[in-house]
């Protein structure tokens, strides 16, 4: 049930913000002196950067243990929440995308650590 919660909740939050929030999607890709290719480059770069945590997540799921300590994941989650919030206020799609999906990985690793009793 937790796996469903970790995946579905962030998607529901994003849908709510997208459908009922004051967010205008055109404003996300039209910034002051920011071209579309630069935004796309940033998003791709952030997704590749986040892939390292996805790789770690897959490794942790297979072994049912996290190789990184609890405090690492707590710091990662707090930082991710702060930068995600900053990205929303700045209407920055690169930061929003990177820290939205990264947060899922951080939360899951915290639960793997809790489950393993570390």
PDB file of N, CA and C in Angstrom:
ATOM      1  N   UNK A   1       0.823  -1.192   0.000  1.00  0.00           N
ATOM      2  CA  UNK A   1       0.000   0.000   0.000  1.00  0.00           C
ATOM      3  C   UNK A   1       0.871   1.262   0.000  1.00  0.00           C
ATOM      4  N   UNK A   2       1.998   1.186   0.726  1.00  0.00           N
ATOM      5  CA  UNK A   2       2.876   2.357   0.799  1.00  0.00           C
ATOM      6  C   UNK A   2       3.419   2.738  -0.570  1.00  0.00           C
ATOM      7  N   UNK A   3       3.791   1.732  -1.368  1.00  0.00           N
ATOM      8  CA  UNK A   3       4.339   2.006  -2.697  1.00  0.00           C
ATOM      9  C   UNK A   3       3.331   2.761  -3.548  1.00  0.00           C
ATOM     10  N   UNK A   4       2.085   2.390  -3.448  1.00  0.00           N
ATOM     11  CA  UNK A   4       1.036   3.091  -4.189  1.00  0.00           C
ATOM     12  C   UNK A   4       0.941   4.529  -3.688  1.00  0.00           C
ATOM     13  N   UNK A   5       0.971   4.720  -2.376  1.00  0.00           N
ATOM     14  CA  UNK A   5       0.896   6.049  -1.779  1.00  0.00           C
ATOM     15  C   UNK A   5       2.055   6.929  -2.236  1.00  0.00           C
ATOM     16  N   UNK A   6       3.257   6.396  -2.232  1.00  0.00           N
ATOM     17  CA  UNK A   6       4.439   7.172  -2.608  1.00  0.00           C
ATOM     18  C   UNK A   6       4.379   7.613  -4.065  1.00  0.00           C
ATOM     19  N   UNK A   7       3.811   6.795  -4.903  1.00  0.00           N
ATOM     20  CA  UNK A   7       3.736   7.134  -6.326  1.00  0.00           C
ATOM     21  C   UNK A   7       2.519   8.005  -6.635  1.00  0.00           C
ATOM     22  N   UNK A   8       1.378   7.689  -6.049  1.00  0.00           N
ATOM     23  CA  UNK A   8       0.129   8.368  -6.404  1.00  0.00           C
ATOM     24  C   UNK A   8       0.018   9.756  -5.777  1.00  0.00           C
ATOM     25  N   UNK A   9       0.425   9.922  -4.520  1.00  0.00           N
ATOM     26  CA  UNK A   9       0.249  11.213  -3.847  1.00  0.00           C
ATOM     27  C   UNK A   9       0.933  12.369  -4.579  1.00  0.00           C
ATOM     28  N   UNK A  10       2.199  12.272  -4.957  1.00  0.00           N
ATOM     29  CA  UNK A  10       2.809  13.394  -5.683  1.00  0.00           C
ATOM     30  C   UNK A  10       2.124  13.678  -7.024  1.00  0.00           C
ATOM     31  N   UNK A  11       1.651  12.639  -7.683  1.00  0.00           N
ATOM     32  CA  UNK A  11       0.954  12.839  -8.953  1.00  0.00           C
ATOM     33  C   UNK A  11      -0.354  13.585  -8.715  1.00  0.00           C
ATOM     34  N   UNK A  12      -1.082  13.208  -7.665  1.00  0.00           N
ATOM     35  CA  UNK A  12      -2.325  13.911  -7.333  1.00  0.00           C
ATOM     36  C   UNK A  12      -2.075  15.369  -6.972  1.00  0.00           C
ATOM     37  N   UNK A  13      -0.996  15.630  -6.244  1.00  0.00           N
ATOM     38  CA  UNK A  13      -0.652  17.011  -5.890  1.00  0.00           C
ATOM     39  C   UNK A  13      -0.350  17.812  -7.151  1.00  0.00           C
ATOM     40  N   UNK A  14       0.430  17.237  -8.050  1.00  0.00           N
ATOM     41  CA  UNK A  14       0.757  17.932  -9.298  1.00  0.00           C
ATOM     42  C   UNK A  14      -0.491  18.184 -10.135  1.00  0.00           C
ATOM     43  N   UNK A  15      -1.385  17.204 -10.197  1.00  0.00           N
ATOM     44  CA  UNK A  15      -2.638  17.391 -10.939  1.00  0.00           C
ATOM     45  C   UNK A  15      -3.488  18.489 -10.320  1.00  0.00           C
ATOM     46  N   UNK A  16      -3.553  18.505  -9.004  1.00  0.00           N
ATOM     47  CA  UNK A  16      -4.331  19.539  -8.322  1.00  0.00           C
ATOM     48  C   UNK A  16      -3.766  20.929  -8.627  1.00  0.00           C
ATOM     49  N   UNK A  17      -2.457  21.066  -8.522  1.00  0.00           N
ATOM     50  CA  UNK A  17      -1.821  22.354  -8.812  1.00  0.00           C
ATOM     51  C   UNK A  17      -2.061  22.734 -10.270  1.00  0.00           C
ATOM     52  N   UNK A  18      -1.918  21.775 -11.163  1.00  0.00           N
ATOM     53  CA  UNK A  18      -2.093  22.044 -12.582  1.00  0.00           C
ATOM     54  C   UNK A  18      -3.517  22.378 -12.975  1.00  0.00           C
ATOM     55  N   UNK A  19      -4.482  21.701 -12.361  1.00  0.00           N
ATOM     56  CA  UNK A  19      -5.871  21.888 -12.751  1.00  0.00           C
ATOM     57  C   UNK A  19      -6.591  22.990 -11.975  1.00  0.00           C
ATOM     58  N   UNK A  20      -6.270  23.137 -10.695  1.00  0.00           N
ATOM     59  CA  UNK A  20      -7.023  24.069  -9.864  1.00  0.00           C
ATOM     60  C   UNK A  20      -6.193  25.231  -9.329  1.00  0.00           C
ATOM     61  N   UNK A  21      -4.895  25.187  -9.521  1.00  0.00           N
ATOM     62  CA  UNK A  21      -4.028  26.240  -9.009  1.00  0.00           C
ATOM     63  C   UNK A  21      -3.987  27.440  -9.939  1.00  0.00           C
ATOM     64  N   UNK A  22      -3.246  28.414  -9.550  1.00  0.00           N
ATOM     65  CA  UNK A  22      -3.085  29.636 -10.319  1.00  0.00           C
ATOM     66  C   UNK A  22      -1.946  29.516 -11.321  1.00  0.00           C
ATOM     67  N   UNK A  23      -1.404  28.347 -11.453  1.00  0.00           N
ATOM     68  CA  UNK A  23      -0.260  28.112 -12.320  1.00  0.00           C
ATOM     69  C   UNK A  23      -0.679  28.171 -13.784  1.00  0.00           C
ATOM     70  N   UNK A  24       0.008  28.969 -14.548  1.00  0.00           N
ATOM     71  CA  UNK A  24      -0.234  29.050 -15.987  1.00  0.00           C
ATOM     72  C   UNK A  24       0.938  28.353 -16.676  1.00  0.00           C
ATOM     73  N   UNK A  25       0.661  27.232 -17.341  1.00  0.00           N
ATOM     74  CA  UNK A  25       1.720  26.417 -17.926  1.00  0.00           C
ATOM     75  C   UNK A  25       2.546  27.173 -18.946  1.00  0.00           C
ATOM     76  N   UNK A  26       1.957  28.123 -19.642  1.00  0.00           N
ATOM     77  CA  UNK A  26       2.725  28.914 -20.611  1.00  0.00           C
ATOM     78  C   UNK A  26       3.781  29.755 -19.912  1.00  0.00           C
ATOM     79  N   UNK A  27       3.481  30.213 -18.703  1.00  0.00           N
ATOM     80  CA  UNK A  27       4.455  31.006 -17.946  1.00  0.00           C
ATOM     81  C   UNK A  27       5.669  30.172 -17.551  1.00  0.00           C
ATOM     82  N   UNK A  28       5.487  28.848 -17.429  1.00  0.00           N
ATOM     83  CA  UNK A  28       6.606  27.995 -17.048  1.00  0.00           C
ATOM     84  C   UNK A  28       7.667  27.913 -18.137  1.00  0.00           C
ATOM     85  N   UNK A  29       7.246  27.983 -19.393  1.00  0.00           N
ATOM     86  CA  UNK A  29       8.226  27.868 -20.468  1.00  0.00           C
ATOM     87  C   UNK A  29       8.574  29.209 -21.094  1.00  0.00           C
ATOM     88  N   UNK A  30       7.919  30.269 -20.659  1.00  0.00           N
ATOM     89  CA  UNK A  30       8.258  31.603 -21.145  1.00  0.00           C
ATOM     90  C   UNK A  30       8.812  32.404 -19.974  1.00  0.00           C
ATOM     91  N   UNK A  31      10.097  32.422 -19.820  1.00  0.00           N
ATOM     92  CA  UNK A  31      10.710  33.183 -18.757  1.00  0.00           C
ATOM     93  C   UNK A  31      11.417  34.399 -19.317  1.00  0.00           C
ATOM     94  N   UNK A  32      11.870  35.243 -18.440  1.00  0.00           N
ATOM     95  CA  UNK A  32      12.646  36.407 -18.867  1.00  0.00           C
ATOM     96  C   UNK A  32      13.972  35.944 -19.451  1.00  0.00           C
ATOM     97  N   UNK A  33      14.130  36.134 -20.747  1.00  0.00           N
ATOM     98  CA  UNK A  33      15.362  35.795 -21.454  1.00  0.00           C
ATOM     99  C   UNK A  33      15.755  34.320 -21.335  1.00  0.00           C
ATOM    100  N   UNK A  34      14.771  33.443 -21.193  1.00  0.00           N
ATOM    101  CA  UNK A  34      15.057  32.012 -21.129  1.00  0.00           C
ATOM    102  C   UNK A  34      14.394  31.354 -22.324  1.00  0.00           C
ATOM    103  N   UNK A  35      15.186  30.717 -23.153  1.00  0.00           N
ATOM    104  CA  UNK A  35      14.635  30.078 -24.339  1.00  0.00           C
ATOM    105  C   UNK A  35      14.182  28.657 -24.014  1.00  0.00           C
ATOM    106  N   UNK A  36      13.330  28.127 -24.874  1.00  0.00           N
ATOM    107  CA  UNK A  36      12.789  26.777 -24.695  1.00  0.00           C
ATOM    108  C   UNK A  36      13.896  25.735 -24.656  1.00  0.00           C
ATOM    109  N   UNK A  37      14.894  25.857 -25.519  1.00  0.00           N
ATOM    110  CA  UNK A  37      15.953  24.857 -25.562  1.00  0.00           C
ATOM    111  C   UNK A  37      16.732  24.836 -24.251  1.00  0.00           C
ATOM    112  N   UNK A  38      16.880  25.996 -23.610  1.00  0.00           N
ATOM    113  CA  UNK A  38      17.613  26.054 -22.353  1.00  0.00           C
ATOM    114  C   UNK A  38      16.809  25.403 -21.228  1.00  0.00           C
ATOM    115  N   UNK A  39      15.516  25.614 -21.224  1.00  0.00           N
ATOM    116  CA  UNK A  39      14.659  24.962 -20.237  1.00  0.00           C
ATOM    117  C   UNK A  39      14.688  23.446 -20.446  1.00  0.00           C
ATOM    118  N   UNK A  40      14.582  23.013 -21.701  1.00  0.00           N
ATOM    119  CA  UNK A  40      14.635  21.578 -22.007  1.00  0.00           C
ATOM    120  C   UNK A  40      15.966  20.976 -21.567  1.00  0.00           C
ATOM    121  N   UNK A  41      17.051  21.686 -21.824  1.00  0.00           N
ATOM    122  CA  UNK A  41      18.375  21.219 -21.399  1.00  0.00           C
ATOM    123  C   UNK A  41      18.423  21.064 -19.882  1.00  0.00           C
ATOM    124  N   UNK A  42      17.893  22.038 -19.178  1.00  0.00           N
ATOM    125  CA  UNK A  42      17.883  21.977 -17.713  1.00  0.00           C
ATOM    126  C   UNK A  42      17.061  20.813 -17.190  1.00  0.00           C
ATOM    127  N   UNK A  43      15.904  20.590 -17.785  1.00  0.00           N
ATOM    128  CA  UNK A  43      15.056  19.483 -17.348  1.00  0.00           C
ATOM    129  C   UNK A  43      15.743  18.147 -17.616  1.00  0.00           C
ATOM    130  N   UNK A  44      16.304  17.982 -18.800  1.00  0.00           N
ATOM    131  CA  UNK A  44      17.009  16.728 -19.123  1.00  0.00           C
ATOM    132  C   UNK A  44      18.185  16.528 -18.170  1.00  0.00           C
ATOM    133  N   UNK A  45      18.940  17.582 -17.916  1.00  0.00           N
ATOM    134  CA  UNK A  45      20.070  17.489 -16.993  1.00  0.00           C
ATOM    135  C   UNK A  45      19.628  17.088 -15.596  1.00  0.00           C
ATOM    136  N   UNK A  46      18.547  17.690 -15.116  1.00  0.00           N
ATOM    137  CA  UNK A  46      18.047  17.356 -13.781  1.00  0.00           C
ATOM    138  C   UNK A  46      17.534  15.925 -13.734  1.00  0.00           C
ATOM    139  N   UNK A  47      16.874  15.471 -14.797  1.00  0.00           N
ATOM    140  CA  UNK A  47      16.381  14.102 -14.815  1.00  0.00           C
ATOM    141  C   UNK A  47      17.531  13.095 -14.807  1.00  0.00           C
ATOM    142  N   UNK A  48      18.588  13.389 -15.545  1.00  0.00           N
ATOM    143  CA  UNK A  48      19.760  12.510 -15.528  1.00  0.00           C
ATOM    144  C   UNK A  48      20.408  12.522 -14.148  1.00  0.00           C
ATOM    145  N   UNK A  49      20.501  13.697 -13.552  1.00  0.00           N
ATOM    146  CA  UNK A  49      21.054  13.822 -12.201  1.00  0.00           C
ATOM    147  C   UNK A  49      20.220  13.009 -11.209  1.00  0.00           C
ATOM    148  N   UNK A  50      18.897  13.111 -11.323  1.00  0.00           N
ATOM    149  CA  UNK A  50      18.002  12.380 -10.434  1.00  0.00           C
ATOM    150  C   UNK A  50      18.073  10.878 -10.693  1.00  0.00           C
ATOM    151  N   UNK A  51      18.449  10.479 -11.894  1.00  0.00           N
ATOM    152  CA  UNK A  51      18.538   9.057 -12.231  1.00  0.00           C
ATOM    153  C   UNK A  51      19.509   8.321 -11.309  1.00  0.00           C
ATOM    154  N   UNK A  52      20.491   9.008 -10.793  1.00  0.00           N
ATOM    155  CA  UNK A  52      21.431   8.343  -9.877  1.00  0.00           C
ATOM    156  C   UNK A  52      20.713   7.874  -8.620  1.00  0.00           C
ATOM    157  N   UNK A  53      19.725   8.656  -8.178  1.00  0.00           N
ATOM    158  CA  UNK A  53      18.950   8.245  -7.016  1.00  0.00           C
ATOM    159  C   UNK A  53      17.957   7.146  -7.381  1.00  0.00           C
ATOM    160  N   UNK A  54      17.453   7.177  -8.586  1.00  0.00           N
ATOM    161  CA  UNK A  54      16.560   6.110  -9.027  1.00  0.00           C
ATOM    162  C   UNK A  54      17.335   4.801  -9.097  1.00  0.00           C
ATOM    163  N   UNK A  55      18.556   4.868  -9.596  1.00  0.00           N
ATOM    164  CA  UNK A  55      19.421   3.689  -9.613  1.00  0.00           C
ATOM    165  C   UNK A  55      19.631   3.164  -8.188  1.00  0.00           C
ATOM    166  N   UNK A  56      19.906   4.074  -7.266  1.00  0.00           N
ATOM    167  CA  UNK A  56      20.113   3.686  -5.874  1.00  0.00           C
ATOM    168  C   UNK A  56      18.828   3.081  -5.306  1.00  0.00           C
ATOM    169  N   UNK A  57      17.683   3.649  -5.674  1.00  0.00           N
ATOM    170  CA  UNK A  57      16.399   3.156  -5.201  1.00  0.00           C
ATOM    171  C   UNK A  57      16.176   1.714  -5.668  1.00  0.00           C
ATOM    172  N   UNK A  58      16.432   1.446  -6.949  1.00  0.00           N
ATOM    173  CA  UNK A  58      16.275   0.091  -7.488  1.00  0.00           C
ATOM    174  C   UNK A  58      17.201  -0.874  -6.742  1.00  0.00           C
ATOM    175  N   UNK A  59      18.429  -0.431  -6.516  1.00  0.00           N
ATOM    176  CA  UNK A  59      19.395  -1.255  -5.776  1.00  0.00           C
ATOM    177  C   UNK A  59      18.884  -1.535  -4.362  1.00  0.00           C
ATOM    178  N   UNK A  60      18.349  -0.512  -3.705  1.00  0.00           N
ATOM    179  CA  UNK A  60      17.837  -0.681  -2.344  1.00  0.00           C
ATOM    180  C   UNK A  60      16.628  -1.614  -2.317  1.00  0.00           C
ATOM    181  N   UNK A  61      15.755  -1.505  -3.306  1.00  0.00           N
ATOM    182  CA  UNK A  61      14.581  -2.386  -3.375  1.00  0.00           C
ATOM    183  C   UNK A  61      15.008  -3.844  -3.564  1.00  0.00           C
ATOM    184  N   UNK A  62      15.966  -4.068  -4.437  1.00  0.00           N
ATOM    185  CA  UNK A  62      16.423  -5.439  -4.698  1.00  0.00           C
ATOM    186  C   UNK A  62      17.054  -6.070  -3.460  1.00  0.00           C
ATOM    187  N   UNK A  63      17.826  -5.275  -2.725  1.00  0.00           N
ATOM    188  CA  UNK A  63      18.532  -5.787  -1.552  1.00  0.00           C
ATOM    189  C   UNK A  63      17.770  -5.572  -0.252  1.00  0.00           C
ATOM    190  N   UNK A  64      16.662  -4.827  -0.317  1.00  0.00           N
ATOM    191  CA  UNK A  64      15.862  -4.475   0.856  1.00  0.00           C
ATOM    192  C   UNK A  64      16.678  -3.826   1.965  1.00  0.00           C
ATOM    193  N   UNK A  65      17.634  -2.991   1.539  1.00  0.00           N
ATOM    194  CA  UNK A  65      18.396  -2.174   2.475  1.00  0.00           C
ATOM    195  C   UNK A  65      18.954  -0.972   1.728  1.00  0.00           C
ATOM    196  N   UNK A  66      19.093   0.111   2.451  1.00  0.00           N
ATOM    197  CA  UNK A  66      19.636   1.325   1.859  1.00  0.00           C
ATOM    198  C   UNK A  66      21.116   1.412   2.193  1.00  0.00           C
ATOM    199  N   UNK A  67      21.927   1.675   1.184  1.00  0.00           N
ATOM    200  CA  UNK A  67      23.369   1.755   1.401  1.00  0.00           C
ATOM    201  C   UNK A  67      23.806   3.097   1.978  1.00  0.00           C
ATOM    202  N   UNK A  68      22.923   4.064   1.947  1.00  0.00           N
ATOM    203  CA  UNK A  68      23.244   5.394   2.472  1.00  0.00           C
ATOM    204  C   UNK A  68      22.547   5.592   3.812  1.00  0.00           C
ATOM    205  N   UNK A  69      23.149   6.361   4.733  1.00  0.00           N
ATOM    206  CA  UNK A  69      22.585   6.495   6.074  1.00  0.00           C
ATOM    207  C   UNK A  69      21.291   7.321   6.100  1.00  0.00           C
ATOM    208  N   UNK A  70      20.543   7.129   7.165  1.00  0.00           N
ATOM    209  CA  UNK A  70      19.266   7.800   7.381  1.00  0.00           C
ATOM    210  C   UNK A  70      19.390   9.317   7.260  1.00  0.00           C
ATOM    211  N   UNK A  71      20.399   9.896   7.874  1.00  0.00           N
ATOM    212  CA  UNK A  71      20.551  11.357   7.860  1.00  0.00           C
ATOM    213  C   UNK A  71      20.762  11.895   6.445  1.00  0.00           C
ATOM    214  N   UNK A  72      21.409  11.134   5.591  1.00  0.00           N
ATOM    215  CA  UNK A  72      21.582  11.554   4.202  1.00  0.00           C
ATOM    216  C   UNK A  72      20.227  11.759   3.540  1.00  0.00           C
ATOM    217  N   UNK A  73      19.308  10.816   3.747  1.00  0.00           N
ATOM    218  CA  UNK A  73      17.993  10.890   3.113  1.00  0.00           C
ATOM    219  C   UNK A  73      17.135  11.988   3.727  1.00  0.00           C
ATOM    220  N   UNK A  74      17.270  12.212   5.025  1.00  0.00           N
ATOM    221  CA  UNK A  74      16.528  13.302   5.677  1.00  0.00           C
ATOM    222  C   UNK A  74      16.990  14.648   5.131  1.00  0.00           C
ATOM    223  N   UNK A  75      18.295  14.837   5.052  1.00  0.00           N
ATOM    224  CA  UNK A  75      18.845  16.085   4.510  1.00  0.00           C
ATOM    225  C   UNK A  75      18.408  16.255   3.053  1.00  0.00           C
ATOM    226  N   UNK A  76      18.451  15.182   2.285  1.00  0.00           N
ATOM    227  CA  UNK A  76      18.037  15.240   0.883  1.00  0.00           C
ATOM    228  C   UNK A  76      16.578  15.650   0.760  1.00  0.00           C
ATOM    229  N   UNK A  77      15.717  15.066   1.586  1.00  0.00           N
ATOM    230  CA  UNK A  77      14.287  15.366   1.521  1.00  0.00           C
ATOM    231  C   UNK A  77      14.001  16.807   1.929  1.00  0.00           C
ATOM    232  N   UNK A  78      14.603  17.267   3.004  1.00  0.00           N
ATOM    233  CA  UNK A  78      14.381  18.647   3.450  1.00  0.00           C
ATOM    234  C   UNK A  78      14.864  19.631   2.384  1.00  0.00           C
ATOM    235  N   UNK A  79      16.055  19.406   1.861  1.00  0.00           N
ATOM    236  CA  UNK A  79      16.570  20.275   0.808  1.00  0.00           C
ATOM    237  C   UNK A  79      15.698  20.248  -0.426  1.00  0.00           C
ATOM    238  N   UNK A  80      15.221  19.076  -0.784  1.00  0.00           N
ATOM    239  CA  UNK A  80      14.369  18.930  -1.960  1.00  0.00           C
ATOM    240  C   UNK A  80      13.047  19.678  -1.781  1.00  0.00           C
ATOM    241  N   UNK A  81      12.457  19.577  -0.607  1.00  0.00           N
ATOM    242  CA  UNK A  81      11.202  20.293  -0.328  1.00  0.00           C
ATOM    243  C   UNK A  81      11.413  21.799  -0.427  1.00  0.00           C
ATOM    244  N   UNK A  82      12.503  22.282   0.130  1.00  0.00           N
ATOM    245  CA  UNK A  82      12.792  23.720   0.093  1.00  0.00           C
ATOM    246  C   UNK A  82      13.023  24.207  -1.337  1.00  0.00           C
ATOM    247  N   UNK A  83      13.799  23.467  -2.110  1.00  0.00           N
ATOM    248  CA  UNK A  83      14.076  23.878  -3.493  1.00  0.00           C
ATOM    249  C   UNK A  83      12.836  23.724  -4.367  1.00  0.00           C
ATOM    250  N   UNK A  84      12.024  22.692  -4.119  1.00  0.00           N
ATOM    251  CA  UNK A  84      10.768  22.523  -4.847  1.00  0.00           C
ATOM    252  C   UNK A  84       9.852  23.723  -4.596  1.00  0.00           C
ATOM    253  N   UNK A  85       9.759  24.138  -3.332  1.00  0.00           N
ATOM    254  CA  UNK A  85       8.945  25.311  -2.983  1.00  0.00           C
ATOM    255  C   UNK A  85       9.486  26.558  -3.662  1.00  0.00           C
ATOM    256  N   UNK A  86      10.778  26.740  -3.638  1.00  0.00           N
ATOM    257  CA  UNK A  86      11.416  27.861  -4.324  1.00  0.00           C
ATOM    258  C   UNK A  86      11.094  27.827  -5.821  1.00  0.00           C
ATOM    259  N   UNK A  87      11.174  26.638  -6.420  1.00  0.00           N
ATOM    260  CA  UNK A  87      10.874  26.485  -7.842  1.00  0.00           C
ATOM    261  C   UNK A  87       9.448  26.858  -8.180  1.00  0.00           C
ATOM    262  N   UNK A  88       8.512  26.546  -7.283  1.00  0.00           N
ATOM    263  CA  UNK A  88       7.114  26.929  -7.505  1.00  0.00           C
ATOM    264  C   UNK A  88       6.976  28.444  -7.483  1.00  0.00           C
ATOM    265  N   UNK A  89       7.574  29.087  -6.495  1.00  0.00           N
ATOM    266  CA  UNK A  89       7.482  30.548  -6.419  1.00  0.00           C
ATOM    267  C   UNK A  89       8.162  31.230  -7.594  1.00  0.00           C
ATOM    268  N   UNK A  90       9.223  30.621  -8.101  1.00  0.00           N
ATOM    269  CA  UNK A  90       9.948  31.190  -9.240  1.00  0.00           C
ATOM    270  C   UNK A  90       9.375  30.745 -10.579  1.00  0.00           C
ATOM    271  N   UNK A  91       8.405  29.849 -10.547  1.00  0.00           N
ATOM    272  CA  UNK A  91       7.848  29.273 -11.774  1.00  0.00           C
ATOM    273  C   UNK A  91       8.956  28.661 -12.629  1.00  0.00           C
ATOM    274  N   UNK A  92       9.818  27.894 -11.995  1.00  0.00           N
ATOM    275  CA  UNK A  92      10.969  27.294 -12.661  1.00  0.00           C
ATOM    276  C   UNK A  92      10.707  25.810 -12.908  1.00  0.00           C
ATOM    277  N   UNK A  93      10.411  25.431 -14.155  1.00  0.00           N
ATOM    278  CA  UNK A  93      10.063  24.030 -14.432  1.00  0.00           C
ATOM    279  C   UNK A  93      11.202  23.059 -14.179  1.00  0.00           C
ATOM    280  N   UNK A  94      12.431  23.500 -14.296  1.00  0.00           N
ATOM    281  CA  UNK A  94      13.571  22.611 -14.055  1.00  0.00           C
ATOM    282  C   UNK A  94      13.615  22.211 -12.585  1.00  0.00           C
ATOM    283  N   UNK A  95      13.520  23.179 -11.704  1.00  0.00           N
ATOM    284  CA  UNK A  95      13.553  22.871 -10.273  1.00  0.00           C
ATOM    285  C   UNK A  95      12.324  22.082  -9.841  1.00  0.00           C
ATOM    286  N   UNK A  96      11.174  22.429 -10.372  1.00  0.00           N
ATOM    287  CA  UNK A  96       9.942  21.731 -10.016  1.00  0.00           C
ATOM    288  C   UNK A  96      10.045  20.258 -10.416  1.00  0.00           C
ATOM    289  N   UNK A  97      10.442  19.989 -11.646  1.00  0.00           N
ATOM    290  CA  UNK A  97      10.543  18.608 -12.130  1.00  0.00           C
ATOM    291  C   UNK A  97      11.580  17.818 -11.343  1.00  0.00           C
ATOM    292  N   UNK A  98      12.726  18.409 -11.130  1.00  0.00           N
ATOM    293  CA  UNK A  98      13.819  17.695 -10.460  1.00  0.00           C
ATOM    294  C   UNK A  98      13.473  17.321  -9.030  1.00  0.00           C
ATOM    295  N   UNK A  99      12.921  18.249  -8.297  1.00  0.00           N
ATOM    296  CA  UNK A  99      12.721  18.001  -6.871  1.00  0.00           C
ATOM    297  C   UNK A  99      11.385  17.350  -6.563  1.00  0.00           C
ATOM    298  N   UNK A 100      10.460  17.379  -7.490  1.00  0.00           N
ATOM    299  CA  UNK A 100       9.208  16.642  -7.328  1.00  0.00           C
ATOM    300  C   UNK A 100       9.486  15.143  -7.357  1.00  0.00           C
ATOM    301  N   UNK A 101      10.178  14.679  -8.398  1.00  0.00           N
ATOM    302  CA  UNK A 101      10.435  13.253  -8.545  1.00  0.00           C
ATOM    303  C   UNK A 101      11.541  12.769  -7.608  1.00  0.00           C
ATOM    304  N   UNK A 102      12.522  13.611  -7.332  1.00  0.00           N
ATOM    305  CA  UNK A 102      13.567  13.221  -6.394  1.00  0.00           C
ATOM    306  C   UNK A 102      13.009  12.965  -5.007  1.00  0.00           C
ATOM    307  N   UNK A 103      12.031  13.761  -4.594  1.00  0.00           N
ATOM    308  CA  UNK A 103      11.421  13.591  -3.273  1.00  0.00           C
ATOM    309  C   UNK A 103      10.807  12.210  -3.087  1.00  0.00           C
ATOM    310  N   UNK A 104      10.239  11.659  -4.147  1.00  0.00           N
ATOM    311  CA  UNK A 104       9.661  10.316  -4.075  1.00  0.00           C
ATOM    312  C   UNK A 104      10.741   9.299  -3.703  1.00  0.00           C
ATOM    313  N   UNK A 105      11.889   9.426  -4.324  1.00  0.00           N
ATOM    314  CA  UNK A 105      12.995   8.503  -4.061  1.00  0.00           C
ATOM    315  C   UNK A 105      13.483   8.652  -2.626  1.00  0.00           C
ATOM    316  N   UNK A 106      13.605   9.883  -2.139  1.00  0.00           N
ATOM    317  CA  UNK A 106      14.089  10.110  -0.773  1.00  0.00           C
ATOM    318  C   UNK A 106      13.134   9.501   0.251  1.00  0.00           C
ATOM    319  N   UNK A 107      11.839   9.711   0.040  1.00  0.00           N
ATOM    320  CA  UNK A 107      10.845   9.174   0.968  1.00  0.00           C
ATOM    321  C   UNK A 107      10.886   7.644   0.970  1.00  0.00           C
ATOM    322  N   UNK A 108      10.974   7.055  -0.206  1.00  0.00           N
ATOM    323  CA  UNK A 108      11.001   5.592  -0.273  1.00  0.00           C
ATOM    324  C   UNK A 108      12.216   5.028   0.443  1.00  0.00           C
ATOM    325  N   UNK A 109      13.372   5.644   0.288  1.00  0.00           N
ATOM    326  CA  UNK A 109      14.570   5.154   0.979  1.00  0.00           C
ATOM    327  C   UNK A 109      14.433   5.292   2.487  1.00  0.00           C
ATOM    328  N   UNK A 110      13.780   6.338   2.955  1.00  0.00           N
ATOM    329  CA  UNK A 110      13.543   6.474   4.405  1.00  0.00           C
ATOM    330  C   UNK A 110      12.686   5.313   4.916  1.00  0.00           C
ATOM    331  N   UNK A 111      11.696   4.910   4.136  1.00  0.00           N
ATOM    332  CA  UNK A 111      10.870   3.786   4.544  1.00  0.00           C
ATOM    333  C   UNK A 111      11.610   2.454   4.471  1.00  0.00           C
ATOM    334  N   UNK A 112      12.496   2.305   3.498  1.00  0.00           N
ATOM    335  CA  UNK A 112      13.294   1.076   3.420  1.00  0.00           C
ATOM    336  C   UNK A 112      14.204   0.984   4.650  1.00  0.00           C
ATOM    337  N   UNK A 113      14.808   2.089   5.036  1.00  0.00           N
ATOM    338  CA  UNK A 113      15.662   2.098   6.217  1.00  0.00           C
ATOM    339  C   UNK A 113      14.848   1.759   7.459  1.00  0.00           C
ATOM    340  N   UNK A 114      13.668   2.356   7.572  1.00  0.00           N
ATOM    341  CA  UNK A 114      12.792   2.099   8.730  1.00  0.00           C
ATOM    342  C   UNK A 114      12.391   0.625   8.773  1.00  0.00           C
ATOM    343  N   UNK A 115      12.044   0.062   7.631  1.00  0.00           N
ATOM    344  CA  UNK A 115      11.620  -1.329   7.551  1.00  0.00           C
ATOM    345  C   UNK A 115      12.753  -2.295   7.915  1.00  0.00           C
ATOM    346  N   UNK A 116      13.976  -1.930   7.509  1.00  0.00           N
ATOM    347  CA  UNK A 116      15.115  -2.812   7.781  1.00  0.00           C
ATOM    348  C   UNK A 116      15.618  -2.685   9.218  1.00  0.00           C
ATOM    349  N   UNK A 117      15.121  -1.686   9.954  1.00  0.00           N
ATOM    350  CA  UNK A 117      15.485  -1.547  11.361  1.00  0.00           C
ATOM    351  C   UNK A 117      16.824  -0.885  11.618  1.00  0.00           C
ATOM    352  N   UNK A 118      17.351  -0.183  10.647  1.00  0.00           N
ATOM    353  CA  UNK A 118      18.644   0.496  10.823  1.00  0.00           C
ATOM    354  C   UNK A 118      18.516   1.671  11.737  1.00  0.00           C
TER     355      UNK A 118
END
